C-alpha cells in the first residue's frame, strides 16, 4: 500500500517575517531519480488560502553538501510525504522555525497538529 502524509506548519504568532523548514536527514531509495517514487513536497500558503508548491526533496543521504532548506514569507508551510513503499531509505527529519516581529531568531519548537511524528529544533 502507498503512504501519503501531510503536516502543516502554521505558527500561532502575529507578524511573521518568514518561516523556514530544513531537512538535515533526507534519504530516499529511489531507483529512478528522474521519476522518484518516494519524496517530500513543500508548499507555502497563498493569499487566497490555498497552497503552492515551492520545492521537492527526493535525494539519497549525502547527495548534497547542504541540507534542503525552504524559506517562505507567507503564514504557513505544508509538508507532504509520498511513498510507494517498494523500497526503504533512512527517511527524513524536518526542522521548522518561525521568525516574527519581536523575535531575534527562530522561535524554537513549534507545535504541530498531526497524529504522529516529531519535528525538532537542532539550532
PDB file of N, CA and C in Angstrom:
ATOM      1  N   UNK A   1       0.839  -1.187   0.000  1.00  0.00           N
ATOM      2  CA  UNK A   1       0.000   0.000   0.000  1.00  0.00           C
ATOM      3  C   UNK A   1       0.876   1.240   0.000  1.00  0.00           C
ATOM      4  N   UNK A   2       0.346   2.326  -0.480  1.00  0.00           N
ATOM      5  CA  UNK A   2       1.093   3.578  -0.584  1.00  0.00           C
ATOM      6  C   UNK A   2       0.925   4.420   0.671  1.00  0.00           C
ATOM      7  N   UNK A   3       1.912   5.286   0.940  1.00  0.00           N
ATOM      8  CA  UNK A   3       1.835   6.224   2.061  1.00  0.00           C
ATOM      9  C   UNK A   3       1.643   7.635   1.524  1.00  0.00           C
ATOM     10  N   UNK A   4       0.821   8.384   2.223  1.00  0.00           N
ATOM     11  CA  UNK A   4       0.575   9.788   1.885  1.00  0.00           C
ATOM     12  C   UNK A   4       0.313  10.490   3.212  1.00  0.00           C
ATOM     13  N   UNK A   5       1.238  11.355   3.626  1.00  0.00           N
ATOM     14  CA  UNK A   5       1.103  12.057   4.905  1.00  0.00           C
ATOM     15  C   UNK A   5       1.325  13.546   4.677  1.00  0.00           C
ATOM     16  N   UNK A   6       0.615  14.374   5.439  1.00  0.00           N
ATOM     17  CA  UNK A   6       0.808  15.817   5.373  1.00  0.00           C
ATOM     18  C   UNK A   6       0.920  16.407   6.771  1.00  0.00           C
ATOM     19  N   UNK A   7       1.792  17.426   6.884  1.00  0.00           N
ATOM     20  CA  UNK A   7       1.930  18.195   8.110  1.00  0.00           C
ATOM     21  C   UNK A   7       1.857  19.661   7.727  1.00  0.00           C
ATOM     22  N   UNK A   8       1.191  20.470   8.528  1.00  0.00           N
ATOM     23  CA  UNK A   8       1.096  21.908   8.273  1.00  0.00           C
ATOM     24  C   UNK A   8       1.797  22.647   9.409  1.00  0.00           C
ATOM     25  N   UNK A   9       2.743  23.486   9.045  1.00  0.00           N
ATOM     26  CA  UNK A   9       3.466  24.334   9.991  1.00  0.00           C
ATOM     27  C   UNK A   9       2.811  25.701   9.919  1.00  0.00           C
ATOM     28  N   UNK A  10       2.016  26.020  10.944  1.00  0.00           N
ATOM     29  CA  UNK A  10       1.212  27.237  10.960  1.00  0.00           C
ATOM     30  C   UNK A  10       1.310  27.859  12.355  1.00  0.00           C
ATOM     31  N   UNK A  11       2.437  28.547  12.651  1.00  0.00           N
ATOM     32  CA  UNK A  11       2.627  29.103  13.994  1.00  0.00           C
ATOM     33  C   UNK A  11       1.533  30.104  14.357  1.00  0.00           C
ATOM     34  N   UNK A  12       1.144  30.071  15.593  1.00  0.00           N
ATOM     35  CA  UNK A  12       0.090  30.993  16.056  1.00  0.00           C
ATOM     36  C   UNK A  12       0.725  32.267  16.622  1.00  0.00           C
ATOM     37  N   UNK A  13       1.462  32.968  15.756  1.00  0.00           N
ATOM     38  CA  UNK A  13       2.065  34.251  16.126  1.00  0.00           C
ATOM     39  C   UNK A  13       1.670  35.279  15.065  1.00  0.00           C
ATOM     40  N   UNK A  14       1.663  36.533  15.449  1.00  0.00           N
ATOM     41  CA  UNK A  14       1.341  37.608  14.511  1.00  0.00           C
ATOM     42  C   UNK A  14       2.610  38.143  13.869  1.00  0.00           C
ATOM     43  N   UNK A  15       2.453  38.774  12.726  1.00  0.00           N
ATOM     44  CA  UNK A  15       3.541  39.478  12.045  1.00  0.00           C
ATOM     45  C   UNK A  15       4.744  38.582  11.751  1.00  0.00           C
ATOM     46  N   UNK A  16       4.490  37.463  11.073  1.00  0.00           N
ATOM     47  CA  UNK A  16       5.569  36.546  10.699  1.00  0.00           C
ATOM     48  C   UNK A  16       6.450  37.205   9.647  1.00  0.00           C
ATOM     49  N   UNK A  17       7.760  37.215   9.885  1.00  0.00           N
ATOM     50  CA  UNK A  17       8.715  37.704   8.891  1.00  0.00           C
ATOM     51  C   UNK A  17       8.992  36.604   7.868  1.00  0.00           C
ATOM     52  N   UNK A  18       9.286  35.403   8.383  1.00  0.00           N
ATOM     53  CA  UNK A  18       9.480  34.266   7.496  1.00  0.00           C
ATOM     54  C   UNK A  18       9.342  32.959   8.269  1.00  0.00           C
ATOM     55  N   UNK A  19       9.072  31.899   7.522  1.00  0.00           N
ATOM     56  CA  UNK A  19       9.068  30.537   8.038  1.00  0.00           C
ATOM     57  C   UNK A  19      10.189  29.795   7.322  1.00  0.00           C
ATOM     58  N   UNK A  20      10.846  28.911   8.044  1.00  0.00           N
ATOM     59  CA  UNK A  20      11.918  28.129   7.444  1.00  0.00           C
ATOM     60  C   UNK A  20      11.745  26.664   7.828  1.00  0.00           C
ATOM     61  N   UNK A  21      11.965  25.787   6.860  1.00  0.00           N
ATOM     62  CA  UNK A  21      11.975  24.363   7.146  1.00  0.00           C
ATOM     63  C   UNK A  21      13.173  23.758   6.433  1.00  0.00           C
ATOM     64  N   UNK A  22      13.910  22.928   7.142  1.00  0.00           N
ATOM     65  CA  UNK A  22      15.083  22.281   6.572  1.00  0.00           C
ATOM     66  C   UNK A  22      15.036  20.793   6.884  1.00  0.00           C
ATOM     67  N   UNK A  23      15.740  20.013   6.104  1.00  0.00           N
ATOM     68  CA  UNK A  23      15.735  18.564   6.230  1.00  0.00           C
ATOM     69  C   UNK A  23      17.168  18.069   6.434  1.00  0.00           C
ATOM     70  N   UNK A  24      17.640  18.022   7.717  1.00  0.00           N
ATOM     71  CA  UNK A  24      19.009  17.581   7.974  1.00  0.00           C
ATOM     72  C   UNK A  24      19.254  16.134   7.559  1.00  0.00           C
ATOM     73  N   UNK A  25      18.206  15.324   7.553  1.00  0.00           N
ATOM     74  CA  UNK A  25      18.293  13.963   7.026  1.00  0.00           C
ATOM     75  C   UNK A  25      17.204  13.822   5.983  1.00  0.00           C
ATOM     76  N   UNK A  26      17.591  13.490   4.763  1.00  0.00           N
ATOM     77  CA  UNK A  26      16.637  13.182   3.699  1.00  0.00           C
ATOM     78  C   UNK A  26      17.258  12.050   2.897  1.00  0.00           C
ATOM     79  N   UNK A  27      16.723  10.850   3.058  1.00  0.00           N
ATOM     80  CA  UNK A  27      17.303   9.678   2.408  1.00  0.00           C
ATOM     81  C   UNK A  27      16.178   8.803   1.860  1.00  0.00           C
ATOM     82  N   UNK A  28      16.044   8.806   0.553  1.00  0.00           N
ATOM     83  CA  UNK A  28      15.014   8.014  -0.106  1.00  0.00           C
ATOM     84  C   UNK A  28      15.682   7.053  -1.090  1.00  0.00           C
ATOM     85  N   UNK A  29      15.217   5.817  -1.141  1.00  0.00           N
ATOM     86  CA  UNK A  29      15.795   4.787  -2.000  1.00  0.00           C
ATOM     87  C   UNK A  29      15.056   4.747  -3.334  1.00  0.00           C
ATOM     88  N   UNK A  30      15.190   5.798  -4.112  1.00  0.00           N
ATOM     89  CA  UNK A  30      14.528   5.864  -5.418  1.00  0.00           C
ATOM     90  C   UNK A  30      15.401   5.204  -6.472  1.00  0.00           C
ATOM     91  N   UNK A  31      14.833   4.252  -7.211  1.00  0.00           N
ATOM     92  CA  UNK A  31      15.600   3.578  -8.255  1.00  0.00           C
ATOM     93  C   UNK A  31      15.775   4.466  -9.481  1.00  0.00           C
ATOM     94  N   UNK A  32      14.853   5.417  -9.700  1.00  0.00           N
ATOM     95  CA  UNK A  32      14.926   6.328 -10.839  1.00  0.00           C
ATOM     96  C   UNK A  32      14.853   7.764 -10.321  1.00  0.00           C
ATOM     97  N   UNK A  33      16.001   8.454 -10.176  1.00  0.00           N
ATOM     98  CA  UNK A  33      15.995   9.816  -9.633  1.00  0.00           C
ATOM     99  C   UNK A  33      15.168  10.805 -10.455  1.00  0.00           C
ATOM    100  N   UNK A  34      14.996  10.544 -11.747  1.00  0.00           N
ATOM    101  CA  UNK A  34      14.208  11.432 -12.599  1.00  0.00           C
ATOM    102  C   UNK A  34      12.705  11.261 -12.375  1.00  0.00           C
ATOM    103  N   UNK A  35      12.300  10.115 -11.841  1.00  0.00           N
ATOM    104  CA  UNK A  35      10.888   9.826 -11.592  1.00  0.00           C
ATOM    105  C   UNK A  35      10.765   9.145 -10.224  1.00  0.00           C
ATOM    106  N   UNK A  36      11.005   9.903  -9.134  1.00  0.00           N
ATOM    107  CA  UNK A  36      11.058   9.284  -7.803  1.00  0.00           C
ATOM    108  C   UNK A  36       9.699   8.756  -7.349  1.00  0.00           C
ATOM    109  N   UNK A  37       9.745   7.650  -6.612  1.00  0.00           N
ATOM    110  CA  UNK A  37       8.513   7.087  -6.044  1.00  0.00           C
ATOM    111  C   UNK A  37       8.352   7.478  -4.575  1.00  0.00           C
ATOM    112  N   UNK A  38       9.426   7.910  -3.929  1.00  0.00           N
ATOM    113  CA  UNK A  38       9.393   8.399  -2.549  1.00  0.00           C
ATOM    114  C   UNK A  38       9.934   9.823  -2.537  1.00  0.00           C
ATOM    115  N   UNK A  39       9.174  10.760  -1.976  1.00  0.00           N
ATOM    116  CA  UNK A  39       9.607  12.146  -1.998  1.00  0.00           C
ATOM    117  C   UNK A  39       8.799  12.977  -1.004  1.00  0.00           C
ATOM    118  N   UNK A  40       9.300  14.179  -0.759  1.00  0.00           N
ATOM    119  CA  UNK A  40       8.623  15.179   0.058  1.00  0.00           C
ATOM    120  C   UNK A  40       8.362  16.382  -0.846  1.00  0.00           C
ATOM    121  N   UNK A  41       7.167  16.932  -0.756  1.00  0.00           N
ATOM    122  CA  UNK A  41       6.849  18.182  -1.431  1.00  0.00           C
ATOM    123  C   UNK A  41       6.615  19.242  -0.365  1.00  0.00           C
ATOM    124  N   UNK A  42       7.100  20.455  -0.621  1.00  0.00           N
ATOM    125  CA  UNK A  42       6.932  21.561   0.319  1.00  0.00           C
ATOM    126  C   UNK A  42       6.070  22.618  -0.362  1.00  0.00           C
ATOM    127  N   UNK A  43       5.044  23.080   0.362  1.00  0.00           N
ATOM    128  CA  UNK A  43       4.102  24.071  -0.153  1.00  0.00           C
ATOM    129  C   UNK A  43       4.066  25.261   0.791  1.00  0.00           C
ATOM    130  N   UNK A  44       3.827  26.455   0.229  1.00  0.00           N
ATOM    131  CA  UNK A  44       3.590  27.627   1.060  1.00  0.00           C
ATOM    132  C   UNK A  44       2.144  28.063   0.860  1.00  0.00           C
ATOM    133  N   UNK A  45       1.582  28.609   1.937  1.00  0.00           N
ATOM    134  CA  UNK A  45       0.210  29.088   1.868  1.00  0.00           C
ATOM    135  C   UNK A  45       0.140  30.316   0.954  1.00  0.00           C
ATOM    136  N   UNK A  46      -0.898  30.396   0.144  1.00  0.00           N
ATOM    137  CA  UNK A  46      -1.093  31.544  -0.739  1.00  0.00           C
ATOM    138  C   UNK A  46      -2.039  32.547  -0.078  1.00  0.00           C
ATOM    139  N   UNK A  47      -2.117  33.729  -0.640  1.00  0.00           N
ATOM    140  CA  UNK A  47      -3.005  34.755  -0.096  1.00  0.00           C
ATOM    141  C   UNK A  47      -4.472  34.340  -0.156  1.00  0.00           C
ATOM    142  N   UNK A  48      -4.823  33.472  -1.114  1.00  0.00           N
ATOM    143  CA  UNK A  48      -6.212  33.022  -1.243  1.00  0.00           C
ATOM    144  C   UNK A  48      -6.539  31.881  -0.278  1.00  0.00           C
ATOM    145  N   UNK A  49      -5.541  31.420   0.502  1.00  0.00           N
ATOM    146  CA  UNK A  49      -5.776  30.358   1.476  1.00  0.00           C
ATOM    147  C   UNK A  49      -5.432  28.972   0.981  1.00  0.00           C
ATOM    148  N   UNK A  50      -5.065  28.839  -0.291  1.00  0.00           N
ATOM    149  CA  UNK A  50      -4.623  27.552  -0.823  1.00  0.00           C
ATOM    150  C   UNK A  50      -3.128  27.377  -0.584  1.00  0.00           C
ATOM    151  N   UNK A  51      -2.534  26.413  -1.283  1.00  0.00           N
ATOM    152  CA  UNK A  51      -1.099  26.167  -1.158  1.00  0.00           C
ATOM    153  C   UNK A  51      -0.472  26.055  -2.534  1.00  0.00           C
ATOM    154  N   UNK A  52       0.762  26.530  -2.649  1.00  0.00           N
ATOM    155  CA  UNK A  52       1.523  26.475  -3.884  1.00  0.00           C
ATOM    156  C   UNK A  52       2.848  25.768  -3.615  1.00  0.00           C
ATOM    157  N   UNK A  53       3.200  24.795  -4.455  1.00  0.00           N
ATOM    158  CA  UNK A  53       4.436  24.023  -4.233  1.00  0.00           C
ATOM    159  C   UNK A  53       5.658  24.900  -4.472  1.00  0.00           C
ATOM    160  N   UNK A  54       6.608  24.855  -3.523  1.00  0.00           N
ATOM    161  CA  UNK A  54       7.848  25.622  -3.654  1.00  0.00           C
ATOM    162  C   UNK A  54       9.069  24.721  -3.773  1.00  0.00           C
ATOM    163  N   UNK A  55       8.894  23.397  -3.605  1.00  0.00           N
ATOM    164  CA  UNK A  55      10.045  22.518  -3.740  1.00  0.00           C
ATOM    165  C   UNK A  55       9.728  21.062  -3.513  1.00  0.00           C
ATOM    166  N   UNK A  56      10.691  20.221  -3.920  1.00  0.00           N
ATOM    167  CA  UNK A  56      10.586  18.773  -3.759  1.00  0.00           C
ATOM    168  C   UNK A  56      11.931  18.249  -3.272  1.00  0.00           C
ATOM    169  N   UNK A  57      11.902  17.254  -2.385  1.00  0.00           N
ATOM    170  CA  UNK A  57      13.108  16.594  -1.890  1.00  0.00           C
ATOM    171  C   UNK A  57      12.959  15.105  -2.183  1.00  0.00           C
ATOM    172  N   UNK A  58      13.942  14.534  -2.896  1.00  0.00           N
ATOM    173  CA  UNK A  58      13.864  13.106  -3.226  1.00  0.00           C
ATOM    174  C   UNK A  58      15.242  12.447  -3.268  1.00  0.00           C
ATOM    175  N   UNK A  59      16.200  13.006  -2.587  1.00  0.00           N
ATOM    176  CA  UNK A  59      17.592  12.592  -2.686  1.00  0.00           C
ATOM    177  C   UNK A  59      17.962  11.447  -1.748  1.00  0.00           C
ATOM    178  N   UNK A  60      19.135  10.897  -1.990  1.00  0.00           N
ATOM    179  CA  UNK A  60      19.770   9.956  -1.074  1.00  0.00           C
ATOM    180  C   UNK A  60      20.599  10.755  -0.085  1.00  0.00           C
ATOM    181  N   UNK A  61      20.784  10.239   1.129  1.00  0.00           N
ATOM    182  CA  UNK A  61      21.609  10.902   2.133  1.00  0.00           C
ATOM    183  C   UNK A  61      23.015  11.102   1.582  1.00  0.00           C
ATOM    184  N   UNK A  62      23.562  12.305   1.720  1.00  0.00           N
ATOM    185  CA  UNK A  62      24.918  12.595   1.273  1.00  0.00           C
ATOM    186  C   UNK A  62      25.014  13.091  -0.158  1.00  0.00           C
ATOM    187  N   UNK A  63      23.904  13.163  -0.906  1.00  0.00           N
ATOM    188  CA  UNK A  63      23.960  13.653  -2.284  1.00  0.00           C
ATOM    189  C   UNK A  63      24.210  15.152  -2.356  1.00  0.00           C
ATOM    190  N   UNK A  64      23.879  15.854  -1.306  1.00  0.00           N
ATOM    191  CA  UNK A  64      24.040  17.302  -1.294  1.00  0.00           C
ATOM    192  C   UNK A  64      24.858  17.693  -0.067  1.00  0.00           C
ATOM    193  N   UNK A  65      25.723  18.697  -0.216  1.00  0.00           N
ATOM    194  CA  UNK A  65      26.511  19.160   0.919  1.00  0.00           C
ATOM    195  C   UNK A  65      25.645  19.859   1.951  1.00  0.00           C
ATOM    196  N   UNK A  66      24.686  20.626   1.503  1.00  0.00           N
ATOM    197  CA  UNK A  66      23.817  21.373   2.402  1.00  0.00           C
ATOM    198  C   UNK A  66      22.449  20.699   2.467  1.00  0.00           C
ATOM    199  N   UNK A  67      21.843  20.672   3.642  1.00  0.00           N
ATOM    200  CA  UNK A  67      20.506  20.069   3.720  1.00  0.00           C
ATOM    201  C   UNK A  67      19.494  20.919   2.957  1.00  0.00           C
ATOM    202  N   UNK A  68      18.525  20.292   2.306  1.00  0.00           N
ATOM    203  CA  UNK A  68      17.496  21.063   1.615  1.00  0.00           C
ATOM    204  C   UNK A  68      16.774  21.982   2.598  1.00  0.00           C
ATOM    205  N   UNK A  69      16.670  23.272   2.239  1.00  0.00           N
ATOM    206  CA  UNK A  69      16.056  24.279   3.104  1.00  0.00           C
ATOM    207  C   UNK A  69      15.114  25.135   2.274  1.00  0.00           C
ATOM    208  N   UNK A  70      13.951  25.442   2.852  1.00  0.00           N
ATOM    209  CA  UNK A  70      12.938  26.239   2.161  1.00  0.00           C
ATOM    210  C   UNK A  70      12.496  27.363   3.085  1.00  0.00           C
ATOM    211  N   UNK A  71      12.381  28.558   2.529  1.00  0.00           N
ATOM    212  CA  UNK A  71      12.001  29.742   3.303  1.00  0.00           C
ATOM    213  C   UNK A  71      10.813  30.402   2.619  1.00  0.00           C
ATOM    214  N   UNK A  72       9.849  30.814   3.421  1.00  0.00           N
ATOM    215  CA  UNK A  72       8.666  31.484   2.896  1.00  0.00           C
ATOM    216  C   UNK A  72       8.339  32.689   3.772  1.00  0.00           C
ATOM    217  N   UNK A  73       7.853  33.744   3.161  1.00  0.00           N
ATOM    218  CA  UNK A  73       7.385  34.906   3.915  1.00  0.00           C
ATOM    219  C   UNK A  73       5.874  34.835   4.138  1.00  0.00           C
ATOM    220  N   UNK A  74       5.256  33.738   3.739  1.00  0.00           N
ATOM    221  CA  UNK A  74       3.819  33.555   3.954  1.00  0.00           C
ATOM    222  C   UNK A  74       3.572  32.961   5.342  1.00  0.00           C
ATOM    223  N   UNK A  75       2.302  32.784   5.710  1.00  0.00           N
ATOM    224  CA  UNK A  75       1.948  32.421   7.085  1.00  0.00           C
ATOM    225  C   UNK A  75       2.009  30.938   7.418  1.00  0.00           C
ATOM    226  N   UNK A  76       2.109  30.051   6.423  1.00  0.00           N
ATOM    227  CA  UNK A  76       2.101  28.618   6.718  1.00  0.00           C
ATOM    228  C   UNK A  76       2.867  27.857   5.644  1.00  0.00           C
ATOM    229  N   UNK A  77       3.449  26.732   6.063  1.00  0.00           N
ATOM    230  CA  UNK A  77       4.096  25.792   5.163  1.00  0.00           C
ATOM    231  C   UNK A  77       3.448  24.428   5.350  1.00  0.00           C
ATOM    232  N   UNK A  78       3.334  23.681   4.261  1.00  0.00           N
ATOM    233  CA  UNK A  78       2.802  22.320   4.336  1.00  0.00           C
ATOM    234  C   UNK A  78       3.847  21.370   3.772  1.00  0.00           C
ATOM    235  N   UNK A  79       4.038  20.244   4.455  1.00  0.00           N
ATOM    236  CA  UNK A  79       4.964  19.201   4.018  1.00  0.00           C
ATOM    237  C   UNK A  79       4.135  17.975   3.667  1.00  0.00           C
ATOM    238  N   UNK A  80       4.350  17.454   2.468  1.00  0.00           N
ATOM    239  CA  UNK A  80       3.636  16.250   2.014  1.00  0.00           C
ATOM    240  C   UNK A  80       4.668  15.163   1.739  1.00  0.00           C
ATOM    241  N   UNK A  81       4.510  14.000   2.363  1.00  0.00           N
ATOM    242  CA  UNK A  81       5.372  12.846   2.124  1.00  0.00           C
ATOM    243  C   UNK A  81       4.593  11.810   1.332  1.00  0.00           C
ATOM    244  N   UNK A  82       5.188  11.346   0.239  1.00  0.00           N
ATOM    245  CA  UNK A  82       4.567  10.341  -0.620  1.00  0.00           C
ATOM    246  C   UNK A  82       5.547   9.193  -0.794  1.00  0.00           C
ATOM    247  N   UNK A  83       5.053   7.964  -0.664  1.00  0.00           N
ATOM    248  CA  UNK A  83       5.889   6.781  -0.844  1.00  0.00           C
ATOM    249  C   UNK A  83       5.059   5.645  -1.430  1.00  0.00           C
ATOM    250  N   UNK A  84       5.694   4.880  -2.325  1.00  0.00           N
ATOM    251  CA  UNK A  84       5.013   3.692  -2.831  1.00  0.00           C
ATOM    252  C   UNK A  84       5.366   2.454  -2.001  1.00  0.00           C
ATOM    253  N   UNK A  85       6.220   2.636  -0.987  1.00  0.00           N
ATOM    254  CA  UNK A  85       6.633   1.594  -0.043  1.00  0.00           C
ATOM    255  C   UNK A  85       7.295   0.395  -0.709  1.00  0.00           C
ATOM    256  N   UNK A  86       7.869   0.583  -1.916  1.00  0.00           N
ATOM    257  CA  UNK A  86       8.538  -0.524  -2.595  1.00  0.00           C
ATOM    258  C   UNK A  86      10.003  -0.656  -2.183  1.00  0.00           C
ATOM    259  N   UNK A  87      10.607   0.439  -1.735  1.00  0.00           N
ATOM    260  CA  UNK A  87      11.998   0.462  -1.278  1.00  0.00           C
ATOM    261  C   UNK A  87      12.053   1.248   0.019  1.00  0.00           C
ATOM    262  N   UNK A  88      13.139   1.065   0.760  1.00  0.00           N
ATOM    263  CA  UNK A  88      13.234   1.753   2.048  1.00  0.00           C
ATOM    264  C   UNK A  88      14.584   2.430   2.196  1.00  0.00           C
ATOM    265  N   UNK A  89      14.548   3.751   2.387  1.00  0.00           N
ATOM    266  CA  UNK A  89      15.740   4.516   2.735  1.00  0.00           C
ATOM    267  C   UNK A  89      15.685   4.813   4.227  1.00  0.00           C
ATOM    268  N   UNK A  90      16.501   5.748   4.676  1.00  0.00           N
ATOM    269  CA  UNK A  90      16.517   6.116   6.098  1.00  0.00           C
ATOM    270  C   UNK A  90      15.316   6.967   6.484  1.00  0.00           C
ATOM    271  N   UNK A  91      14.666   7.629   5.507  1.00  0.00           N
ATOM    272  CA  UNK A  91      13.541   8.506   5.804  1.00  0.00           C
ATOM    273  C   UNK A  91      13.984   9.950   5.871  1.00  0.00           C
ATOM    274  N   UNK A  92      13.325  10.734   6.741  1.00  0.00           N
ATOM    275  CA  UNK A  92      13.688  12.145   6.829  1.00  0.00           C
ATOM    276  C   UNK A  92      13.430  12.692   8.222  1.00  0.00           C
ATOM    277  N   UNK A  93      14.166  13.736   8.568  1.00  0.00           N
ATOM    278  CA  UNK A  93      13.934  14.574   9.741  1.00  0.00           C
ATOM    279  C   UNK A  93      13.652  15.969   9.212  1.00  0.00           C
ATOM    280  N   UNK A  94      12.744  16.664   9.857  1.00  0.00           N
ATOM    281  CA  UNK A  94      12.439  18.038   9.469  1.00  0.00           C
ATOM    282  C   UNK A  94      12.609  18.956  10.664  1.00  0.00           C
ATOM    283  N   UNK A  95      13.158  20.132  10.413  1.00  0.00           N
ATOM    284  CA  UNK A  95      13.321  21.164  11.428  1.00  0.00           C
ATOM    285  C   UNK A  95      12.612  22.409  10.904  1.00  0.00           C
ATOM    286  N   UNK A  96      11.697  22.950  11.702  1.00  0.00           N
ATOM    287  CA  UNK A  96      10.936  24.118  11.263  1.00  0.00           C
ATOM    288  C   UNK A  96      11.022  25.210  12.318  1.00  0.00           C
ATOM    289  N   UNK A  97      11.095  26.452  11.863  1.00  0.00           N
ATOM    290  CA  UNK A  97      11.087  27.574  12.801  1.00  0.00           C
ATOM    291  C   UNK A  97      10.475  28.794  12.135  1.00  0.00           C
ATOM    292  N   UNK A  98      10.060  29.734  12.978  1.00  0.00           N
ATOM    293  CA  UNK A  98       9.437  30.967  12.510  1.00  0.00           C
ATOM    294  C   UNK A  98      10.194  32.160  13.066  1.00  0.00           C
ATOM    295  N   UNK A  99      10.339  33.179  12.245  1.00  0.00           N
ATOM    296  CA  UNK A  99      10.869  34.453  12.701  1.00  0.00           C
ATOM    297  C   UNK A  99       9.723  35.447  12.593  1.00  0.00           C
ATOM    298  N   UNK A 100       9.492  36.184  13.658  1.00  0.00           N
ATOM    299  CA  UNK A 100       8.355  37.096  13.672  1.00  0.00           C
ATOM    300  C   UNK A 100       8.737  38.359  14.436  1.00  0.00           C
ATOM    301  N   UNK A 101       7.938  39.390  14.271  1.00  0.00           N
ATOM    302  CA  UNK A 101       8.212  40.662  14.948  1.00  0.00           C
ATOM    303  C   UNK A 101       8.380  40.424  16.439  1.00  0.00           C
ATOM    304  N   UNK A 102       9.460  40.936  16.983  1.00  0.00           N
ATOM    305  CA  UNK A 102       9.738  40.750  18.403  1.00  0.00           C
ATOM    306  C   UNK A 102      10.681  39.595  18.682  1.00  0.00           C
ATOM    307  N   UNK A 103      10.860  38.687  17.713  1.00  0.00           N
ATOM    308  CA  UNK A 103      11.795  37.580  17.934  1.00  0.00           C
ATOM    309  C   UNK A 103      13.151  37.980  17.368  1.00  0.00           C
ATOM    310  N   UNK A 104      14.196  37.451  17.924  1.00  0.00           N
ATOM    311  CA  UNK A 104      15.533  37.743  17.436  1.00  0.00           C
ATOM    312  C   UNK A 104      16.065  36.596  16.592  1.00  0.00           C
ATOM    313  N   UNK A 105      15.449  35.453  16.669  1.00  0.00           N
ATOM    314  CA  UNK A 105      15.907  34.269  15.940  1.00  0.00           C
ATOM    315  C   UNK A 105      14.738  33.318  15.812  1.00  0.00           C
ATOM    316  N   UNK A 106      14.993  32.124  15.341  1.00  0.00           N
ATOM    317  CA  UNK A 106      13.934  31.124  15.234  1.00  0.00           C
ATOM    318  C   UNK A 106      13.316  30.916  16.606  1.00  0.00           C
ATOM    319  N   UNK A 107      12.032  30.676  16.612  1.00  0.00           N
ATOM    320  CA  UNK A 107      11.303  30.635  17.876  1.00  0.00           C
ATOM    321  C   UNK A 107      11.356  29.281  18.575  1.00  0.00           C
ATOM    322  N   UNK A 108      12.211  28.365  18.111  1.00  0.00           N
ATOM    323  CA  UNK A 108      12.324  27.064  18.771  1.00  0.00           C
ATOM    324  C   UNK A 108      11.275  26.094  18.268  1.00  0.00           C
ATOM    325  N   UNK A 109      10.955  25.122  19.100  1.00  0.00           N
ATOM    326  CA  UNK A 109       9.970  24.120  18.704  1.00  0.00           C
ATOM    327  C   UNK A 109       8.597  24.760  18.575  1.00  0.00           C
ATOM    328  N   UNK A 110       7.876  24.376  17.575  1.00  0.00           N
ATOM    329  CA  UNK A 110       6.545  24.894  17.312  1.00  0.00           C
ATOM    330  C   UNK A 110       5.581  23.724  17.274  1.00  0.00           C
ATOM    331  N   UNK A 111       4.455  23.802  17.986  1.00  0.00           N
ATOM    332  CA  UNK A 111       3.515  22.677  17.997  1.00  0.00           C
ATOM    333  C   UNK A 111       2.942  22.404  16.608  1.00  0.00           C
ATOM    334  N   UNK A 112       2.786  21.139  16.300  1.00  0.00           N
ATOM    335  CA  UNK A 112       2.152  20.689  15.065  1.00  0.00           C
ATOM    336  C   UNK A 112       0.926  19.890  15.450  1.00  0.00           C
ATOM    337  N   UNK A 113      -0.059  19.890  14.596  1.00  0.00           N
ATOM    338  CA  UNK A 113      -1.255  19.082  14.833  1.00  0.00           C
ATOM    339  C   UNK A 113      -1.262  17.929  13.843  1.00  0.00           C
ATOM    340  N   UNK A 114      -0.684  16.800  14.251  1.00  0.00           N
ATOM    341  CA  UNK A 114      -0.689  15.615  13.407  1.00  0.00           C
ATOM    342  C   UNK A 114      -0.693  14.387  14.298  1.00  0.00           C
ATOM    343  N   UNK A 115      -1.146  13.248  13.762  1.00  0.00           N
ATOM    344  CA  UNK A 115      -1.326  12.074  14.604  1.00  0.00           C
ATOM    345  C   UNK A 115      -0.045  11.478  15.169  1.00  0.00           C
ATOM    346  N   UNK A 116       1.075  11.567  14.455  1.00  0.00           N
ATOM    347  CA  UNK A 116       2.327  11.047  14.989  1.00  0.00           C
ATOM    348  C   UNK A 116       3.498  11.681  14.270  1.00  0.00           C
ATOM    349  N   UNK A 117       4.686  11.575  14.859  1.00  0.00           N
ATOM    350  CA  UNK A 117       5.884  12.149  14.265  1.00  0.00           C
ATOM    351  C   UNK A 117       6.434  13.257  15.138  1.00  0.00           C
ATOM    352  N   UNK A 118       7.675  13.642  14.864  1.00  0.00           N
ATOM    353  CA  UNK A 118       8.352  14.651  15.673  1.00  0.00           C
ATOM    354  C   UNK A 118       9.089  15.629  14.769  1.00  0.00           C
ATOM    355  N   UNK A 119       8.947  16.885  15.052  1.00  0.00           N
ATOM    356  CA  UNK A 119       9.765  17.914  14.450  1.00  0.00           C
ATOM    357  C   UNK A 119      10.617  18.477  15.563  1.00  0.00           C
ATOM    358  N   UNK A 120      11.919  18.651  15.326  1.00  0.00           N
ATOM    359  CA  UNK A 120      12.831  19.137  16.349  1.00  0.00           C
ATOM    360  C   UNK A 120      13.551  20.369  15.866  1.00  0.00           C
ATOM    361  N   UNK A 121      14.108  21.108  16.815  1.00  0.00           N
ATOM    362  CA  UNK A 121      14.932  22.254  16.505  1.00  0.00           C
ATOM    363  C   UNK A 121      16.336  21.931  16.968  1.00  0.00           C
ATOM    364  N   UNK A 122      17.283  21.813  16.040  1.00  0.00           N
ATOM    365  CA  UNK A 122      18.663  21.450  16.350  1.00  0.00           C
ATOM    366  C   UNK A 122      19.580  22.650  16.423  1.00  0.00           C
ATOM    367  N   UNK A 123      19.055  23.885  16.386  1.00  0.00           N
ATOM    368  CA  UNK A 123      19.899  25.076  16.364  1.00  0.00           C
ATOM    369  C   UNK A 123      20.535  25.297  17.711  1.00  0.00           C
TER     370      UNK A 123
END
